[in-house]
Amino acid sequence: LYTEHKYSEVTALLDPIISAVDTIHIPEDVLFYNAISKIETGEVDEAFTTLQYLSANGELFRKDAQWYLALLYLQKDQPDKAIALLEQLNNSDYKDKANKLLMQIGEKRWF
């Protein structure tokens, strides 16, 4: 469903499972893709909470969560928090994107 961009169906399927199980017992990929699906369906606050959890506790999706969390911080007009996360992405696949966004933030040209 996720790869087919059926984000509302993803959240409808996963939300009941996620709410019934302690977060620590849910695989990171399930949490991450559900969070991205929530962003796509406008449920940003719920996605924000999950991405914060993954950013602090994740292993496989920590950097991915930090990237998307930084973008959400920018949308919430909290550039200082976004900068802190973007600076942590220097040793990741997001390095180039993060550095470009940091330059844009410095020039006050984001979004």
Protein backbone atom coordinates (compact mmCIF):
# COMPACT_ATOMS: atom_id res chain seq x y z
CA LEU A 1 0.00 0.00 0.00
CA TYR A 2 2.82 2.41 0.87
CA THR A 3 4.63 1.92 -2.44
CA GLU A 4 1.32 2.46 -4.22
CA HIS A 5 0.90 5.80 -2.38
CA LYS A 6 -2.26 4.62 -0.63
CA TYR A 7 -1.28 6.40 2.56
CA SER A 8 -4.71 6.58 4.15
CA GLU A 9 -5.03 2.81 3.74
CA VAL A 10 -1.61 2.33 5.36
CA THR A 11 -2.62 4.31 8.43
CA ALA A 12 -6.05 2.63 8.59
CA LEU A 13 -4.34 -0.75 8.62
CA LEU A 14 -1.47 0.06 10.99
CA ASP A 15 -3.01 2.47 13.51
CA PRO A 16 -5.08 -0.15 15.35
CA ILE A 17 -2.07 -2.46 15.62
CA ILE A 18 0.28 0.32 16.75
CA SER A 19 -2.16 1.56 19.38
CA ALA A 20 -2.61 -1.95 20.80
CA VAL A 21 1.10 -2.75 21.19
CA ASP A 22 3.83 -1.00 23.18
CA THR A 23 5.94 1.05 20.77
CA ILE A 24 9.12 -0.73 21.80
CA HIS A 25 7.73 -3.97 20.35
CA ILE A 26 6.83 -2.53 16.94
CA PRO A 27 9.44 -2.85 14.16
CA GLU A 28 11.05 0.45 13.18
CA ASP A 29 10.04 0.13 9.55
CA VAL A 30 6.36 -0.16 10.52
CA LEU A 31 6.61 2.96 12.69
CA PHE A 32 8.56 4.91 10.10
CA TYR A 33 6.36 4.15 7.10
CA ASN A 34 3.25 4.79 9.15
CA ALA A 35 4.69 8.18 10.19
CA ILE A 36 5.45 9.12 6.58
CA SER A 37 1.95 8.01 5.60
CA LYS A 38 0.58 10.28 8.32
CA ILE A 39 2.54 13.22 6.92
CA GLU A 40 1.09 12.47 3.49
CA THR A 41 -2.45 12.39 4.90
CA GLY A 42 -2.05 15.57 6.95
CA GLU A 43 -1.76 13.93 10.36
CA VAL A 44 1.48 15.76 11.05
CA ASP A 45 1.27 15.85 14.85
CA GLU A 46 0.98 12.07 15.09
CA ALA A 47 3.86 11.66 12.63
CA PHE A 48 5.89 14.15 14.65
CA THR A 49 5.58 12.05 17.81
CA THR A 50 6.63 8.85 16.06
CA LEU A 51 9.57 10.52 14.32
CA GLN A 52 10.76 11.95 17.64
CA TYR A 53 10.68 8.45 19.12
CA LEU A 54 12.62 6.98 16.18
CA SER A 55 15.10 9.85 16.19
CA ALA A 56 15.93 9.15 19.83
CA ASN A 57 15.55 5.36 19.94
CA GLY A 58 15.83 4.02 16.43
CA GLU A 59 18.69 2.14 14.91
CA LEU A 60 17.78 1.38 11.31
CA PHE A 61 15.60 4.44 10.67
CA ARG A 62 17.19 6.99 13.02
CA LYS A 63 18.71 9.15 10.27
CA ASP A 64 15.59 8.95 8.14
CA ALA A 65 13.50 10.05 11.11
CA GLN A 66 15.90 12.91 11.83
CA TRP A 67 15.62 14.15 8.24
CA TYR A 68 11.83 14.18 8.21
CA LEU A 69 11.68 15.57 11.74
CA ALA A 70 13.95 18.43 10.68
CA LEU A 71 11.59 19.20 7.80
CA LEU A 72 8.64 19.21 10.18
CA TYR A 73 10.49 21.56 12.54
CA LEU A 74 10.98 23.95 9.63
CA GLN A 75 7.28 23.78 8.84
CA LYS A 76 6.56 24.60 12.49
CA ASP A 77 8.94 27.61 12.21
CA GLN A 78 11.48 26.11 14.62
CA PRO A 79 14.69 26.40 12.60
CA ASP A 80 17.01 25.98 15.60
CA LYS A 81 15.66 22.49 16.26
CA ALA A 82 15.86 21.68 12.55
CA ILE A 83 19.47 22.85 12.38
CA ALA A 84 20.46 20.66 15.32
CA LEU A 85 19.05 17.60 13.56
CA LEU A 86 20.45 18.48 10.15
CA GLU A 87 23.93 18.84 11.63
CA GLN A 88 23.67 15.26 12.91
CA LEU A 89 23.19 13.99 9.36
CA ASN A 90 26.79 14.60 8.23
CA ASN A 91 27.60 10.88 8.20
CA SER A 92 24.48 9.67 6.46
CA ASP A 93 22.82 9.33 3.09
CA TYR A 94 21.16 12.69 3.80
CA LYS A 95 24.47 14.56 4.06
CA ASP A 96 24.19 16.49 0.78
CA LYS A 97 20.51 17.34 1.25
CA ALA A 98 21.11 18.36 4.85
CA ASN A 99 24.05 20.61 3.94
CA LYS A 100 22.07 22.25 1.14
CA LEU A 101 19.15 22.87 3.49
CA LEU A 102 21.50 24.25 6.16
CA MET A 103 22.82 26.74 3.61
CA GLN A 104 19.27 27.75 2.68
CA ILE A 105 18.36 28.19 6.32
CA GLY A 106 21.43 30.37 6.78
CA GLU A 107 20.26 32.47 3.88
CA LYS A 108 16.67 32.33 5.21
CA ARG A 109 15.44 30.68 2.02
CA TRP A 110 13.60 27.52 2.94
CA PHE A 111 10.18 26.38 1.82
